[in-house]
């Protein structure tokens, strides 16, 4: 198998790029980190990669709103090339701030005359949250979640609440198979931020563009789990499977 090439996109304020690149390298990818300015000047470089990742952090300090400035740069310079990724059999992943960017670019759903039909905004608590959550996949074709029936991952965000314009938008997301991940633990809601329908992650209808608020790159070793010393067996590093699935897609 030829190693898939993975682009980890950096910008001012990104702080999870190294961990995300390492997770993909563990899974067998060949990673390259580029600053948004480099890619903006040479957008044709996107053609070199099979996977593009928008990692977590606080791009441009989350001025205006979380991910908004980076999303606008992507829309202005890179959107057309990235929008072709699914039809080319390529993948796009957005984690936390990267998910916020994907939502605000139009890569997950189209803008209409009223603007975007959904967004990510402040948690209902009004506070930054940093804790572990339970998760279950939704009814989607998401490549990154193949073979996964449940997850436990950490979150770290202040603007992670997924909201929609109205119930019709939510129904459309469900019908198109775009609800990829929900906050659930032991069969009950584990919603930390007030997201509509407990949504923690979305994919596009092809399942090849995926964004999620939790951080899979922060659970690739058993010892990263807060209960690893108290459990009889070390917990499986569930975040690692998302990266392995992305690499395996190209085999």
C-alpha atoms as a PDB file:
ATOM      1  CA  UNK A   1       0.000   0.000   0.000  1.00  0.00           C
ATOM      2  CA  UNK A   2       1.258   3.466  -0.918  1.00  0.00           C
ATOM      3  CA  UNK A   3       1.349   5.703   2.139  1.00  0.00           C
ATOM      4  CA  UNK A   4      -1.465   8.282   1.978  1.00  0.00           C
ATOM      5  CA  UNK A   5      -0.140  11.813   2.222  1.00  0.00           C
ATOM      6  CA  UNK A   6      -1.743  13.863   4.994  1.00  0.00           C
ATOM      7  CA  UNK A   7      -1.729  17.650   5.137  1.00  0.00           C
ATOM      8  CA  UNK A   8      -2.097  19.153   8.626  1.00  0.00           C
ATOM      9  CA  UNK A   9      -3.036  22.795   8.142  1.00  0.00           C
ATOM     10  CA  UNK A  10      -1.733  25.336  10.663  1.00  0.00           C
ATOM     11  CA  UNK A  11      -2.706  28.934  11.336  1.00  0.00           C
ATOM     12  CA  UNK A  12      -1.998  31.481  14.101  1.00  0.00           C
ATOM     13  CA  UNK A  13      -3.536  29.999  17.251  1.00  0.00           C
ATOM     14  CA  UNK A  14      -3.551  26.363  16.142  1.00  0.00           C
ATOM     15  CA  UNK A  15      -2.189  24.236  18.996  1.00  0.00           C
ATOM     16  CA  UNK A  16      -3.034  20.602  18.217  1.00  0.00           C
ATOM     17  CA  UNK A  17      -1.207  20.224  14.906  1.00  0.00           C
ATOM     18  CA  UNK A  18       1.777  18.249  16.218  1.00  0.00           C
ATOM     19  CA  UNK A  19      -0.390  15.744  18.126  1.00  0.00           C
ATOM     20  CA  UNK A  20      -2.681  15.276  15.124  1.00  0.00           C
ATOM     21  CA  UNK A  21       0.237  14.734  12.753  1.00  0.00           C
ATOM     22  CA  UNK A  22       1.714  12.184  15.169  1.00  0.00           C
ATOM     23  CA  UNK A  23      -1.588  10.287  15.355  1.00  0.00           C
ATOM     24  CA  UNK A  24      -1.710  10.002  11.570  1.00  0.00           C
ATOM     25  CA  UNK A  25       1.926   8.905  11.455  1.00  0.00           C
ATOM     26  CA  UNK A  26       1.165   6.172  14.005  1.00  0.00           C
ATOM     27  CA  UNK A  27      -1.624   5.000  11.690  1.00  0.00           C
ATOM     28  CA  UNK A  28       0.750   4.825   8.723  1.00  0.00           C
ATOM     29  CA  UNK A  29       0.275   8.196   7.023  1.00  0.00           C
ATOM     30  CA  UNK A  30       2.967  10.466   5.641  1.00  0.00           C
ATOM     31  CA  UNK A  31       2.276  13.861   7.194  1.00  0.00           C
ATOM     32  CA  UNK A  32       3.212  17.392   6.181  1.00  0.00           C
ATOM     33  CA  UNK A  33       2.386  20.533   8.165  1.00  0.00           C
ATOM     34  CA  UNK A  34       1.748  23.735   6.227  1.00  0.00           C
ATOM     35  CA  UNK A  35       0.817  27.212   7.406  1.00  0.00           C
ATOM     36  CA  UNK A  36      -2.335  28.659   5.845  1.00  0.00           C
ATOM     37  CA  UNK A  37      -0.233  31.433   4.251  1.00  0.00           C
ATOM     38  CA  UNK A  38       1.877  28.862   2.393  1.00  0.00           C
ATOM     39  CA  UNK A  39      -1.178  27.061   1.095  1.00  0.00           C
ATOM     40  CA  UNK A  40      -3.004  30.274   0.259  1.00  0.00           C
ATOM     41  CA  UNK A  41      -0.065  31.301  -1.954  1.00  0.00           C
ATOM     42  CA  UNK A  42       0.185  27.845  -3.551  1.00  0.00           C
ATOM     43  CA  UNK A  43      -3.318  26.298  -3.514  1.00  0.00           C
ATOM     44  CA  UNK A  44      -2.268  23.752  -6.126  1.00  0.00           C
ATOM     45  CA  UNK A  45      -0.317  21.976  -3.395  1.00  0.00           C
ATOM     46  CA  UNK A  46      -3.611  20.510  -2.176  1.00  0.00           C
ATOM     47  CA  UNK A  47      -3.396  18.153  -5.156  1.00  0.00           C
ATOM     48  CA  UNK A  48      -0.401  16.444  -3.502  1.00  0.00           C
ATOM     49  CA  UNK A  49      -2.462  15.107  -0.583  1.00  0.00           C
ATOM     50  CA  UNK A  50      -5.086  12.422  -0.002  1.00  0.00           C
ATOM     51  CA  UNK A  51      -6.164  13.720   3.433  1.00  0.00           C
ATOM     52  CA  UNK A  52      -6.437  17.311   4.662  1.00  0.00           C
ATOM     53  CA  UNK A  53      -6.826  17.995   8.380  1.00  0.00           C
ATOM     54  CA  UNK A  54      -7.938  21.141  10.191  1.00  0.00           C
ATOM     55  CA  UNK A  55      -6.651  20.500  13.750  1.00  0.00           C
ATOM     56  CA  UNK A  56      -7.832  21.953  17.036  1.00  0.00           C
ATOM     57  CA  UNK A  57      -6.835  25.170  18.725  1.00  0.00           C
ATOM     58  CA  UNK A  58      -7.964  28.771  18.517  1.00  0.00           C
ATOM     59  CA  UNK A  59      -7.258  29.913  14.966  1.00  0.00           C
ATOM     60  CA  UNK A  60      -6.662  33.679  14.897  1.00  0.00           C
ATOM     61  CA  UNK A  61      -7.635  33.764  18.566  1.00  0.00           C
ATOM     62  CA  UNK A  62     -11.238  32.935  17.578  1.00  0.00           C
ATOM     63  CA  UNK A  63     -11.731  36.635  16.866  1.00  0.00           C
ATOM     64  CA  UNK A  64     -15.202  37.385  15.455  1.00  0.00           C
ATOM     65  CA  UNK A  65     -16.241  33.806  16.335  1.00  0.00           C
ATOM     66  CA  UNK A  66     -14.580  30.406  16.577  1.00  0.00           C
ATOM     67  CA  UNK A  67     -12.909  29.446  13.295  1.00  0.00           C
ATOM     68  CA  UNK A  68     -14.511  32.319  11.361  1.00  0.00           C
ATOM     69  CA  UNK A  69     -11.363  34.027  10.026  1.00  0.00           C
ATOM     70  CA  UNK A  70      -9.705  30.794   8.899  1.00  0.00           C
ATOM     71  CA  UNK A  71     -12.974  29.655   7.342  1.00  0.00           C
ATOM     72  CA  UNK A  72     -13.155  32.873   5.319  1.00  0.00           C
ATOM     73  CA  UNK A  73      -9.610  32.377   4.051  1.00  0.00           C
ATOM     74  CA  UNK A  74     -10.511  28.856   2.982  1.00  0.00           C
ATOM     75  CA  UNK A  75     -13.666  30.079   1.220  1.00  0.00           C
ATOM     76  CA  UNK A  76     -11.736  32.773  -0.641  1.00  0.00           C
ATOM     77  CA  UNK A  77      -8.718  30.753  -1.797  1.00  0.00           C
ATOM     78  CA  UNK A  78      -9.138  27.002  -1.297  1.00  0.00           C
ATOM     79  CA  UNK A  79     -12.818  26.114  -1.376  1.00  0.00           C
ATOM     80  CA  UNK A  80     -13.129  24.834  -4.943  1.00  0.00           C
ATOM     81  CA  UNK A  81     -10.177  22.456  -4.627  1.00  0.00           C
ATOM     82  CA  UNK A  82     -11.327  21.148  -1.233  1.00  0.00           C
ATOM     83  CA  UNK A  83     -14.923  20.726  -2.424  1.00  0.00           C
ATOM     84  CA  UNK A  84     -13.643  18.304  -5.080  1.00  0.00           C
ATOM     85  CA  UNK A  85     -11.999  16.041  -2.492  1.00  0.00           C
ATOM     86  CA  UNK A  86     -14.978  13.648  -2.003  1.00  0.00           C
ATOM     87  CA  UNK A  87     -15.453  13.031  -5.735  1.00  0.00           C
ATOM     88  CA  UNK A  88     -11.700  12.445  -6.030  1.00  0.00           C
ATOM     89  CA  UNK A  89     -11.890   9.786  -3.317  1.00  0.00           C
ATOM     90  CA  UNK A  90     -10.021  11.949  -0.799  1.00  0.00           C
ATOM     91  CA  UNK A  91     -10.789  12.810   2.834  1.00  0.00           C
ATOM     92  CA  UNK A  92     -11.095  15.935   4.987  1.00  0.00           C
ATOM     93  CA  UNK A  93     -11.082  15.947   8.804  1.00  0.00           C
ATOM     94  CA  UNK A  94     -11.814  18.852  11.152  1.00  0.00           C
ATOM     95  CA  UNK A  95     -11.234  18.493  14.909  1.00  0.00           C
ATOM     96  CA  UNK A  96     -12.729  20.988  17.400  1.00  0.00           C
ATOM     97  CA  UNK A  97     -11.676  24.355  15.918  1.00  0.00           C
ATOM     98  CA  UNK A  98     -11.298  22.461  12.646  1.00  0.00           C
ATOM     99  CA  UNK A  99     -14.942  21.372  12.900  1.00  0.00           C
ATOM    100  CA  UNK A 100     -15.918  24.989  13.476  1.00  0.00           C
ATOM    101  CA  UNK A 101     -13.997  25.904  10.312  1.00  0.00           C
ATOM    102  CA  UNK A 102     -15.697  23.185   8.244  1.00  0.00           C
ATOM    103  CA  UNK A 103     -19.151  24.298   9.403  1.00  0.00           C
ATOM    104  CA  UNK A 104     -18.420  27.918   8.422  1.00  0.00           C
ATOM    105  CA  UNK A 105     -16.876  27.188   4.999  1.00  0.00           C
ATOM    106  CA  UNK A 106     -19.826  25.387   3.403  1.00  0.00           C
ATOM    107  CA  UNK A 107     -17.951  22.098   3.010  1.00  0.00           C
ATOM    108  CA  UNK A 108     -20.511  20.251   5.175  1.00  0.00           C
ATOM    109  CA  UNK A 109     -23.684  22.000   3.997  1.00  0.00           C
ATOM    110  CA  UNK A 110     -24.455  24.761   1.521  1.00  0.00           C
ATOM    111  CA  UNK A 111     -25.185  28.396   2.259  1.00  0.00           C
ATOM    112  CA  UNK A 112     -28.554  29.729   1.119  1.00  0.00           C
ATOM    113  CA  UNK A 113     -30.147  33.181   0.836  1.00  0.00           C
ATOM    114  CA  UNK A 114     -30.473  33.306   4.634  1.00  0.00           C
ATOM    115  CA  UNK A 115     -26.888  32.236   5.257  1.00  0.00           C
ATOM    116  CA  UNK A 116     -25.752  28.929   6.704  1.00  0.00           C
ATOM    117  CA  UNK A 117     -28.589  26.783   8.110  1.00  0.00           C
ATOM    118  CA  UNK A 118     -26.494  25.631  11.096  1.00  0.00           C
ATOM    119  CA  UNK A 119     -23.528  26.756  13.147  1.00  0.00           C
ATOM    120  CA  UNK A 120     -21.459  26.189  16.284  1.00  0.00           C
ATOM    121  CA  UNK A 121     -21.852  28.732  19.058  1.00  0.00           C
ATOM    122  CA  UNK A 122     -21.249  29.293  22.773  1.00  0.00           C
ATOM    123  CA  UNK A 123     -21.924  26.432  25.168  1.00  0.00           C
ATOM    124  CA  UNK A 124     -25.190  26.870  27.069  1.00  0.00           C
ATOM    125  CA  UNK A 125     -23.159  27.099  30.285  1.00  0.00           C
ATOM    126  CA  UNK A 126     -21.372  30.159  28.914  1.00  0.00           C
ATOM    127  CA  UNK A 127     -18.096  28.586  30.018  1.00  0.00           C
ATOM    128  CA  UNK A 128     -15.142  26.801  28.476  1.00  0.00           C
ATOM    129  CA  UNK A 129     -15.471  23.037  29.073  1.00  0.00           C
ATOM    130  CA  UNK A 130     -12.647  20.531  29.450  1.00  0.00           C
ATOM    131  CA  UNK A 131     -13.714  16.957  30.277  1.00  0.00           C
ATOM    132  CA  UNK A 132     -14.262  13.487  28.856  1.00  0.00           C
ATOM    133  CA  UNK A 133     -17.534  12.532  27.153  1.00  0.00           C
ATOM    134  CA  UNK A 134     -19.226   9.382  25.913  1.00  0.00           C
ATOM    135  CA  UNK A 135     -20.030   9.192  22.195  1.00  0.00           C
ATOM    136  CA  UNK A 136     -21.896   6.924  19.776  1.00  0.00           C
ATOM    137  CA  UNK A 137     -21.885   7.036  15.960  1.00  0.00           C
ATOM    138  CA  UNK A 138     -25.057   8.116  14.195  1.00  0.00           C
ATOM    139  CA  UNK A 139     -26.590   6.653  11.054  1.00  0.00           C
ATOM    140  CA  UNK A 140     -24.018   7.885   8.535  1.00  0.00           C
ATOM    141  CA  UNK A 141     -21.487   6.699   5.965  1.00  0.00           C
ATOM    142  CA  UNK A 142     -18.602   8.356   7.814  1.00  0.00           C
ATOM    143  CA  UNK A 143     -15.339   6.735   6.739  1.00  0.00           C
ATOM    144  CA  UNK A 144     -13.565   7.717   9.958  1.00  0.00           C
ATOM    145  CA  UNK A 145     -16.058   5.802  12.147  1.00  0.00           C
ATOM    146  CA  UNK A 146     -16.059   2.422  10.400  1.00  0.00           C
ATOM    147  CA  UNK A 147     -16.292  -0.443  12.881  1.00  0.00           C
ATOM    148  CA  UNK A 148     -16.757   1.861  15.891  1.00  0.00           C
ATOM    149  CA  UNK A 149     -19.866   1.408  18.059  1.00  0.00           C
ATOM    150  CA  UNK A 150     -18.939   3.750  20.913  1.00  0.00           C
ATOM    151  CA  UNK A 151     -16.194   6.127  21.985  1.00  0.00           C
ATOM    152  CA  UNK A 152     -14.928   8.032  24.980  1.00  0.00           C
ATOM    153  CA  UNK A 153     -12.900  11.145  24.156  1.00  0.00           C
ATOM    154  CA  UNK A 154     -11.976  14.476  25.749  1.00  0.00           C
ATOM    155  CA  UNK A 155     -13.514  17.810  24.781  1.00  0.00           C
ATOM    156  CA  UNK A 156     -11.999  21.266  25.256  1.00  0.00           C
ATOM    157  CA  UNK A 157     -14.073  24.123  23.858  1.00  0.00           C
ATOM    158  CA  UNK A 158     -16.092  27.204  24.634  1.00  0.00           C
ATOM    159  CA  UNK A 159     -18.066  27.345  21.379  1.00  0.00           C
ATOM    160  CA  UNK A 160     -19.081  23.756  20.751  1.00  0.00           C
ATOM    161  CA  UNK A 161     -22.866  23.981  20.820  1.00  0.00           C
ATOM    162  CA  UNK A 162     -24.297  22.849  17.482  1.00  0.00           C
ATOM    163  CA  UNK A 163     -27.416  24.815  16.548  1.00  0.00           C
ATOM    164  CA  UNK A 164     -29.757  24.780  13.543  1.00  0.00           C
ATOM    165  CA  UNK A 165     -32.089  27.374  12.052  1.00  0.00           C
ATOM    166  CA  UNK A 166     -35.170  25.197  12.524  1.00  0.00           C
ATOM    167  CA  UNK A 167     -36.345  21.607  12.890  1.00  0.00           C
ATOM    168  CA  UNK A 168     -36.474  21.179   9.100  1.00  0.00           C
ATOM    169  CA  UNK A 169     -32.683  21.607   8.892  1.00  0.00           C
ATOM    170  CA  UNK A 170     -32.192  18.949  11.544  1.00  0.00           C
ATOM    171  CA  UNK A 171     -34.485  16.552   9.683  1.00  0.00           C
ATOM    172  CA  UNK A 172     -32.539  17.115   6.460  1.00  0.00           C
ATOM    173  CA  UNK A 173     -29.244  16.361   8.188  1.00  0.00           C
ATOM    174  CA  UNK A 174     -30.688  13.105   9.510  1.00  0.00           C
ATOM    175  CA  UNK A 175     -32.214  12.108   6.149  1.00  0.00           C
ATOM    176  CA  UNK A 176     -28.927  12.753   4.337  1.00  0.00           C
ATOM    177  CA  UNK A 177     -27.022  10.632   6.861  1.00  0.00           C
ATOM    178  CA  UNK A 178     -24.907  13.552   8.056  1.00  0.00           C
ATOM    179  CA  UNK A 179     -25.303  13.111  11.815  1.00  0.00           C
ATOM    180  CA  UNK A 180     -22.106  11.175  12.388  1.00  0.00           C
ATOM    181  CA  UNK A 181     -21.571  11.389  16.151  1.00  0.00           C
ATOM    182  CA  UNK A 182     -23.704  12.080  19.238  1.00  0.00           C
ATOM    183  CA  UNK A 183     -22.933  12.671  22.906  1.00  0.00           C
ATOM    184  CA  UNK A 184     -24.161   9.467  24.575  1.00  0.00           C
ATOM    185  CA  UNK A 185     -22.968   7.362  27.500  1.00  0.00           C
ATOM    186  CA  UNK A 186     -24.593   4.152  28.748  1.00  0.00           C
ATOM    187  CA  UNK A 187     -27.597   4.790  26.519  1.00  0.00           C
ATOM    188  CA  UNK A 188     -28.280   8.301  27.837  1.00  0.00           C
ATOM    189  CA  UNK A 189     -27.372  11.811  26.706  1.00  0.00           C
ATOM    190  CA  UNK A 190     -23.918  12.991  27.772  1.00  0.00           C
ATOM    191  CA  UNK A 191     -24.350  16.400  26.165  1.00  0.00           C
ATOM    192  CA  UNK A 192     -21.861  18.894  27.656  1.00  0.00           C
ATOM    193  CA  UNK A 193     -22.723  22.010  25.664  1.00  0.00           C
ATOM    194  CA  UNK A 194     -26.417  21.961  24.723  1.00  0.00           C
ATOM    195  CA  UNK A 195     -25.957  20.857  21.105  1.00  0.00           C
ATOM    196  CA  UNK A 196     -29.197  20.177  19.250  1.00  0.00           C
ATOM    197  CA  UNK A 197     -29.954  16.447  19.024  1.00  0.00           C
ATOM    198  CA  UNK A 198     -26.789  15.774  21.086  1.00  0.00           C
ATOM    199  CA  UNK A 199     -24.738  16.264  17.899  1.00  0.00           C
ATOM    200  CA  UNK A 200     -20.981  16.005  18.445  1.00  0.00           C
ATOM    201  CA  UNK A 201     -19.916  15.501  14.825  1.00  0.00           C
ATOM    202  CA  UNK A 202     -21.173  15.797  11.256  1.00  0.00           C
ATOM    203  CA  UNK A 203     -20.090  14.409   7.911  1.00  0.00           C
ATOM    204  CA  UNK A 204     -21.012  15.318   4.350  1.00  0.00           C
ATOM    205  CA  UNK A 205     -23.411  12.946   2.514  1.00  0.00           C
ATOM    206  CA  UNK A 206     -20.463  10.954   1.087  1.00  0.00           C
ATOM    207  CA  UNK A 207     -18.979  10.328   4.546  1.00  0.00           C
ATOM    208  CA  UNK A 208     -15.589  11.616   3.370  1.00  0.00           C
ATOM    209  CA  UNK A 209     -15.653  15.029   5.051  1.00  0.00           C
ATOM    210  CA  UNK A 210     -15.945  14.735   8.828  1.00  0.00           C
ATOM    211  CA  UNK A 211     -15.903  17.263  11.628  1.00  0.00           C
ATOM    212  CA  UNK A 212     -16.177  16.600  15.362  1.00  0.00           C
ATOM    213  CA  UNK A 213     -15.794  18.611  18.571  1.00  0.00           C
ATOM    214  CA  UNK A 214     -14.055  15.929  20.713  1.00  0.00           C
ATOM    215  CA  UNK A 215     -10.301  15.347  20.342  1.00  0.00           C
ATOM    216  CA  UNK A 216      -9.383  11.838  19.088  1.00  0.00           C
ATOM    217  CA  UNK A 217      -5.692  12.809  18.916  1.00  0.00           C
ATOM    218  CA  UNK A 218      -5.725  13.079  22.729  1.00  0.00           C
ATOM    219  CA  UNK A 219      -6.548   9.416  23.220  1.00  0.00           C
ATOM    220  CA  UNK A 220      -4.065   7.394  21.178  1.00  0.00           C
ATOM    221  CA  UNK A 221      -2.323   5.826  24.203  1.00  0.00           C
ATOM    222  CA  UNK A 222      -4.056   3.972  27.079  1.00  0.00           C
ATOM    223  CA  UNK A 223      -2.278   6.140  29.656  1.00  0.00           C
ATOM    224  CA  UNK A 224      -4.024   9.257  28.349  1.00  0.00           C
ATOM    225  CA  UNK A 225      -7.317   8.040  29.788  1.00  0.00           C
ATOM    226  CA  UNK A 226      -8.026   9.495  33.268  1.00  0.00           C
ATOM    227  CA  UNK A 227      -8.977   6.055  34.647  1.00  0.00           C
ATOM    228  CA  UNK A 228      -6.051   4.052  33.317  1.00  0.00           C
ATOM    229  CA  UNK A 229      -4.571   3.454  36.787  1.00  0.00           C
ATOM    230  CA  UNK A 230      -7.922   2.427  38.299  1.00  0.00           C
ATOM    231  CA  UNK A 231      -9.126  -0.052  35.698  1.00  0.00           C
ATOM    232  CA  UNK A 232      -8.216  -3.709  35.785  1.00  0.00           C
ATOM    233  CA  UNK A 233      -7.272  -3.591  32.113  1.00  0.00           C
ATOM    234  CA  UNK A 234      -5.866  -0.576  30.363  1.00  0.00           C
ATOM    235  CA  UNK A 235      -8.605   1.157  28.312  1.00  0.00           C
ATOM    236  CA  UNK A 236      -8.218   0.789  24.552  1.00  0.00           C
ATOM    237  CA  UNK A 237      -7.032   4.054  22.975  1.00  0.00           C
ATOM    238  CA  UNK A 238     -10.233   4.594  21.005  1.00  0.00           C
ATOM    239  CA  UNK A 239      -9.140   7.801  19.312  1.00  0.00           C
ATOM    240  CA  UNK A 240      -6.488   5.900  17.392  1.00  0.00           C
ATOM    241  CA  UNK A 241      -9.116   3.990  15.412  1.00  0.00           C
ATOM    242  CA  UNK A 242     -10.362   7.142  13.651  1.00  0.00           C
ATOM    243  CA  UNK A 243      -6.919   7.776  12.190  1.00  0.00           C
ATOM    244  CA  UNK A 244      -6.412   4.109  11.322  1.00  0.00           C
ATOM    245  CA  UNK A 245      -9.740   4.093   9.458  1.00  0.00           C
ATOM    246  CA  UNK A 246      -8.704   7.114   7.383  1.00  0.00           C
ATOM    247  CA  UNK A 247      -5.440   5.477   6.350  1.00  0.00           C
ATOM    248  CA  UNK A 248      -7.095   2.098   5.711  1.00  0.00           C
ATOM    249  CA  UNK A 249      -9.578   3.796   3.363  1.00  0.00           C
ATOM    250  CA  UNK A 250      -6.775   4.109   0.794  1.00  0.00           C
ATOM    251  CA  UNK A 251      -5.844   0.435   0.922  1.00  0.00           C
END
